[in-house]
Amino acid sequence: MPRRYPANWQSEIVPAILARAHFCCEGSFAHPACRAAQHLPRPLSDPGWSPHEPVVHLTVVALDGVPMHTDPANLKALCPRCRTSTEAQRRAEMRRGRQPRARQLCLF
């Protein structure tokens, strides 16, 4: 299922969220102190960075997974590492909400 973005996503929403974040990553639950700056080299001391991506490219992510929900509280500027961990957490929460736990009898 393709994701739908508002018409003003690239022209208004993304620049506003990046400006709010001062063009730095806003961090994730796994990396709350991450402040990687847009288009700057990645810190060599950080083991989480991929050597195939020499500079940081921030993306704006809808925390609930629905890009049409453009409330600023639902949007975050994230580096690839924080985006991956944020989306993995969201997917895990969705799985926990939908699937019964192991050895739990499902009545319906």
N, C-alpha and C. Protein backbone atom coordinates (compact mmCIF):
# COMPACT_ATOMS: atom_id res chain seq x y z
N MET A 1 0.84 -1.17 0.00
CA MET A 1 0.00 0.00 0.00
C MET A 1 0.89 1.24 0.00
N PRO A 2 0.78 2.08 -0.99
CA PRO A 2 1.63 3.27 -1.05
C PRO A 2 1.22 4.29 0.01
N ARG A 3 2.20 5.00 0.52
CA ARG A 3 1.91 6.04 1.50
C ARG A 3 1.49 7.30 0.77
N ARG A 4 0.52 7.97 1.31
CA ARG A 4 0.04 9.23 0.75
C ARG A 4 0.57 10.39 1.58
N TYR A 5 1.11 11.36 0.92
CA TYR A 5 1.63 12.55 1.58
C TYR A 5 0.78 13.76 1.18
N PRO A 6 0.64 14.73 2.07
CA PRO A 6 -0.10 15.95 1.72
C PRO A 6 0.60 16.69 0.58
N ALA A 7 -0.13 17.49 -0.14
CA ALA A 7 0.43 18.23 -1.28
C ALA A 7 1.54 19.17 -0.85
N ASN A 8 1.47 19.70 0.36
CA ASN A 8 2.48 20.66 0.82
C ASN A 8 3.58 20.02 1.66
N TRP A 9 3.75 18.70 1.56
CA TRP A 9 4.75 17.98 2.36
C TRP A 9 6.16 18.52 2.11
N GLN A 10 6.61 18.52 0.87
CA GLN A 10 7.97 18.95 0.55
C GLN A 10 8.14 20.47 0.61
N SER A 11 7.12 21.21 0.27
CA SER A 11 7.26 22.67 0.18
C SER A 11 7.11 23.38 1.52
N GLU A 12 6.29 22.85 2.44
CA GLU A 12 6.04 23.54 3.71
C GLU A 12 6.35 22.71 4.95
N ILE A 13 5.86 21.48 4.98
CA ILE A 13 5.94 20.69 6.21
C ILE A 13 7.37 20.27 6.52
N VAL A 14 8.07 19.66 5.56
CA VAL A 14 9.44 19.21 5.80
C VAL A 14 10.35 20.37 6.19
N PRO A 15 10.35 21.50 5.45
CA PRO A 15 11.22 22.61 5.88
C PRO A 15 10.89 23.14 7.28
N ALA A 16 9.61 23.16 7.64
CA ALA A 16 9.23 23.65 8.97
C ALA A 16 9.74 22.72 10.08
N ILE A 17 9.63 21.42 9.88
CA ILE A 17 10.09 20.47 10.90
C ILE A 17 11.61 20.48 10.99
N LEU A 18 12.30 20.56 9.86
CA LEU A 18 13.77 20.63 9.89
C LEU A 18 14.24 21.91 10.58
N ALA A 19 13.56 23.01 10.33
CA ALA A 19 13.92 24.28 10.98
C ALA A 19 13.66 24.19 12.48
N ARG A 20 12.55 23.58 12.88
CA ARG A 20 12.26 23.41 14.31
C ARG A 20 13.37 22.61 15.00
N ALA A 21 13.91 21.62 14.29
CA ALA A 21 14.96 20.75 14.84
C ALA A 21 16.36 21.35 14.66
N HIS A 22 16.44 22.55 14.10
CA HIS A 22 17.73 23.21 13.82
C HIS A 22 18.60 22.35 12.91
N PHE A 23 17.95 21.63 11.98
CA PHE A 23 18.62 20.79 10.99
C PHE A 23 19.50 19.73 11.65
N CYS A 24 19.04 19.23 12.79
CA CYS A 24 19.71 18.14 13.50
C CYS A 24 18.69 17.05 13.82
N CYS A 25 19.18 15.83 13.96
CA CYS A 25 18.32 14.71 14.32
C CYS A 25 17.73 14.97 15.71
N GLU A 26 16.44 14.64 15.87
CA GLU A 26 15.77 14.84 17.15
C GLU A 26 15.85 13.61 18.06
N GLY A 27 16.53 12.56 17.60
CA GLY A 27 16.74 11.39 18.44
C GLY A 27 15.58 10.43 18.46
N SER A 28 15.85 9.22 18.94
CA SER A 28 14.84 8.17 19.03
C SER A 28 14.91 7.55 20.41
N PHE A 29 14.03 6.58 20.67
CA PHE A 29 14.05 5.92 21.97
C PHE A 29 15.38 5.19 22.19
N ALA A 30 15.97 4.66 21.13
CA ALA A 30 17.23 3.93 21.24
C ALA A 30 18.43 4.86 21.29
N HIS A 31 18.31 6.03 20.70
CA HIS A 31 19.42 7.00 20.64
C HIS A 31 18.89 8.39 20.99
N PRO A 32 18.46 8.61 22.23
CA PRO A 32 17.81 9.88 22.57
C PRO A 32 18.72 11.10 22.47
N ALA A 33 20.01 10.92 22.58
CA ALA A 33 20.93 12.05 22.54
C ALA A 33 21.50 12.31 21.15
N CYS A 34 21.00 11.61 20.14
CA CYS A 34 21.51 11.79 18.78
C CYS A 34 21.18 13.20 18.30
N ARG A 35 22.16 13.91 17.84
CA ARG A 35 21.96 15.24 17.29
C ARG A 35 22.77 15.38 16.00
N ALA A 36 22.74 14.34 15.17
CA ALA A 36 23.46 14.35 13.91
C ALA A 36 22.95 15.50 13.05
N ALA A 37 23.85 16.28 12.49
CA ALA A 37 23.48 17.46 11.72
C ALA A 37 23.34 17.13 10.24
N GLN A 38 22.36 17.75 9.61
CA GLN A 38 22.09 17.56 8.18
C GLN A 38 23.30 17.90 7.33
N HIS A 39 23.65 17.02 6.41
CA HIS A 39 24.70 17.19 5.40
C HIS A 39 26.10 17.36 5.98
N LEU A 40 26.31 16.96 7.22
CA LEU A 40 27.65 16.99 7.79
C LEU A 40 28.16 15.56 7.91
N PRO A 41 29.50 15.39 7.93
CA PRO A 41 30.03 14.03 8.07
C PRO A 41 29.55 13.39 9.37
N ARG A 42 29.39 12.11 9.32
CA ARG A 42 28.94 11.37 10.49
C ARG A 42 30.09 11.22 11.48
N PRO A 43 29.79 11.16 12.76
CA PRO A 43 30.84 10.99 13.76
C PRO A 43 31.51 9.63 13.61
N LEU A 44 32.82 9.62 13.49
CA LEU A 44 33.55 8.38 13.30
C LEU A 44 33.53 7.51 14.54
N SER A 45 33.35 8.12 15.70
CA SER A 45 33.36 7.36 16.95
C SER A 45 32.06 6.60 17.17
N ASP A 46 31.04 6.88 16.40
CA ASP A 46 29.75 6.24 16.61
C ASP A 46 29.68 4.94 15.80
N PRO A 47 29.55 3.79 16.45
CA PRO A 47 29.54 2.51 15.72
C PRO A 47 28.26 2.25 14.93
N GLY A 48 27.23 3.07 15.12
CA GLY A 48 25.96 2.83 14.44
C GLY A 48 25.91 3.34 13.01
N TRP A 49 26.88 4.10 12.58
CA TRP A 49 26.84 4.69 11.25
C TRP A 49 27.34 3.73 10.19
N SER A 50 26.71 3.78 9.05
CA SER A 50 27.12 2.95 7.92
C SER A 50 28.23 3.65 7.15
N PRO A 51 29.30 2.94 6.78
CA PRO A 51 30.38 3.57 6.01
C PRO A 51 29.97 3.90 4.58
N HIS A 52 28.82 3.38 4.14
CA HIS A 52 28.36 3.63 2.77
C HIS A 52 27.64 4.98 2.64
N GLU A 53 27.33 5.60 3.76
CA GLU A 53 26.66 6.90 3.74
C GLU A 53 27.53 7.89 4.52
N PRO A 54 28.40 8.62 3.82
CA PRO A 54 29.37 9.46 4.52
C PRO A 54 28.78 10.72 5.17
N VAL A 55 27.60 11.18 4.74
CA VAL A 55 27.00 12.36 5.34
C VAL A 55 25.58 12.04 5.81
N VAL A 56 25.09 12.85 6.72
CA VAL A 56 23.76 12.64 7.30
C VAL A 56 22.70 13.26 6.39
N HIS A 57 21.66 12.50 6.09
CA HIS A 57 20.50 13.00 5.35
C HIS A 57 19.29 12.81 6.24
N LEU A 58 18.77 13.90 6.76
CA LEU A 58 17.61 13.83 7.65
C LEU A 58 16.33 13.65 6.86
N THR A 59 15.41 12.91 7.44
CA THR A 59 14.08 12.77 6.86
C THR A 59 13.06 13.11 7.94
N VAL A 60 11.90 13.56 7.52
CA VAL A 60 10.82 13.85 8.45
C VAL A 60 9.92 12.62 8.50
N VAL A 61 9.68 12.13 9.71
CA VAL A 61 8.94 10.89 9.92
C VAL A 61 7.69 11.17 10.74
N ALA A 62 6.58 10.58 10.32
CA ALA A 62 5.35 10.64 11.11
C ALA A 62 5.44 9.51 12.14
N LEU A 63 5.42 9.85 13.41
CA LEU A 63 5.62 8.87 14.46
C LEU A 63 4.54 7.80 14.49
N ASP A 64 3.34 8.13 14.06
CA ASP A 64 2.27 7.13 14.04
C ASP A 64 2.23 6.36 12.72
N GLY A 65 3.13 6.69 11.80
CA GLY A 65 3.21 5.97 10.53
C GLY A 65 2.26 6.46 9.46
N VAL A 66 1.52 7.52 9.74
CA VAL A 66 0.54 8.05 8.78
C VAL A 66 0.97 9.47 8.39
N PRO A 67 1.59 9.64 7.21
CA PRO A 67 2.08 10.96 6.81
C PRO A 67 0.99 12.03 6.69
N MET A 68 -0.26 11.63 6.55
CA MET A 68 -1.33 12.62 6.44
C MET A 68 -1.61 13.29 7.79
N HIS A 69 -1.15 12.70 8.89
CA HIS A 69 -1.31 13.31 10.22
C HIS A 69 -0.16 14.29 10.41
N THR A 70 -0.38 15.53 10.05
CA THR A 70 0.70 16.52 10.00
C THR A 70 0.79 17.40 11.23
N ASP A 71 0.26 16.95 12.35
CA ASP A 71 0.42 17.69 13.59
C ASP A 71 1.91 17.72 13.93
N PRO A 72 2.49 18.89 14.21
CA PRO A 72 3.93 18.95 14.50
C PRO A 72 4.38 18.02 15.63
N ALA A 73 3.51 17.72 16.57
CA ALA A 73 3.87 16.80 17.65
C ALA A 73 4.03 15.37 17.14
N ASN A 74 3.46 15.06 15.98
CA ASN A 74 3.54 13.73 15.39
C ASN A 74 4.71 13.59 14.43
N LEU A 75 5.40 14.67 14.12
CA LEU A 75 6.48 14.66 13.13
C LEU A 75 7.82 14.92 13.79
N LYS A 76 8.85 14.18 13.33
CA LYS A 76 10.20 14.33 13.85
C LYS A 76 11.20 14.29 12.71
N ALA A 77 12.27 15.07 12.84
CA ALA A 77 13.39 15.00 11.90
C ALA A 77 14.36 13.95 12.44
N LEU A 78 14.63 12.92 11.63
CA LEU A 78 15.47 11.82 12.09
C LEU A 78 16.56 11.47 11.08
N CYS A 79 17.71 11.05 11.59
CA CYS A 79 18.77 10.51 10.75
C CYS A 79 18.39 9.06 10.40
N PRO A 80 19.07 8.43 9.46
CA PRO A 80 18.70 7.06 9.08
C PRO A 80 18.72 6.07 10.25
N ARG A 81 19.71 6.19 11.13
CA ARG A 81 19.81 5.26 12.25
C ARG A 81 18.61 5.41 13.19
N CYS A 82 18.25 6.64 13.53
CA CYS A 82 17.12 6.87 14.43
C CYS A 82 15.79 6.54 13.75
N ARG A 83 15.71 6.79 12.45
CA ARG A 83 14.48 6.45 11.73
C ARG A 83 14.27 4.94 11.74
N THR A 84 15.33 4.18 11.52
CA THR A 84 15.23 2.72 11.52
C THR A 84 14.76 2.21 12.87
N SER A 85 15.35 2.73 13.95
CA SER A 85 14.96 2.25 15.28
C SER A 85 13.54 2.70 15.63
N THR A 86 13.13 3.89 15.21
CA THR A 86 11.78 4.38 15.48
C THR A 86 10.75 3.53 14.74
N GLU A 87 11.01 3.24 13.47
CA GLU A 87 10.06 2.44 12.70
C GLU A 87 10.02 1.00 13.18
N ALA A 88 11.16 0.46 13.63
CA ALA A 88 11.18 -0.89 14.18
C ALA A 88 10.34 -0.95 15.46
N GLN A 89 10.45 0.06 16.30
CA GLN A 89 9.65 0.11 17.53
C GLN A 89 8.16 0.19 17.20
N ARG A 90 7.80 1.02 16.24
CA ARG A 90 6.39 1.15 15.86
C ARG A 90 5.84 -0.16 15.31
N ARG A 91 6.63 -0.85 14.46
CA ARG A 91 6.18 -2.14 13.92
C ARG A 91 6.03 -3.18 15.03
N ALA A 92 6.96 -3.18 15.99
CA ALA A 92 6.88 -4.13 17.10
C ALA A 92 5.64 -3.87 17.94
N GLU A 93 5.32 -2.61 18.18
CA GLU A 93 4.12 -2.28 18.94
C GLU A 93 2.87 -2.70 18.19
N MET A 94 2.87 -2.55 16.87
CA MET A 94 1.72 -2.98 16.08
C MET A 94 1.56 -4.50 16.16
N ARG A 95 2.68 -5.23 16.08
CA ARG A 95 2.60 -6.69 16.17
C ARG A 95 2.08 -7.13 17.53
N ARG A 96 2.56 -6.49 18.58
CA ARG A 96 2.10 -6.85 19.93
C ARG A 96 0.61 -6.58 20.08
N GLY A 97 0.14 -5.54 19.44
CA GLY A 97 -1.28 -5.20 19.54
C GLY A 97 -2.18 -6.13 18.75
N ARG A 98 -1.65 -6.76 17.70
CA ARG A 98 -2.48 -7.59 16.83
C ARG A 98 -2.37 -9.07 17.12
N GLN A 99 -1.22 -9.54 17.52
CA GLN A 99 -1.00 -10.97 17.65
C GLN A 99 -1.10 -11.42 19.10
N PRO A 100 -1.73 -12.56 19.34
CA PRO A 100 -1.75 -13.08 20.70
C PRO A 100 -0.37 -13.53 21.12
N ARG A 101 -0.12 -13.48 22.43
CA ARG A 101 1.18 -13.93 22.93
C ARG A 101 1.30 -15.44 22.77
N ALA A 102 2.51 -15.93 22.81
CA ALA A 102 2.74 -17.37 22.69
C ALA A 102 2.03 -18.10 23.83
N ARG A 103 1.46 -19.24 23.53
CA ARG A 103 0.74 -20.08 24.47
C ARG A 103 -0.48 -19.41 25.08
N GLN A 104 -1.03 -18.43 24.39
CA GLN A 104 -2.25 -17.79 24.85
C GLN A 104 -3.40 -18.29 23.97
N LEU A 105 -4.44 -18.76 24.59
CA LEU A 105 -5.57 -19.28 23.86
C LEU A 105 -6.34 -18.12 23.23
N CYS A 106 -6.58 -18.22 21.93
CA CYS A 106 -7.34 -17.20 21.22
C CYS A 106 -8.77 -17.71 21.05
N LEU A 107 -9.70 -17.05 21.70
CA LEU A 107 -11.09 -17.51 21.69
C LEU A 107 -11.88 -17.05 20.48
N PHE A 108 -11.46 -15.97 19.87
CA PHE A 108 -12.25 -15.43 18.75
C PHE A 108 -11.44 -15.32 17.49
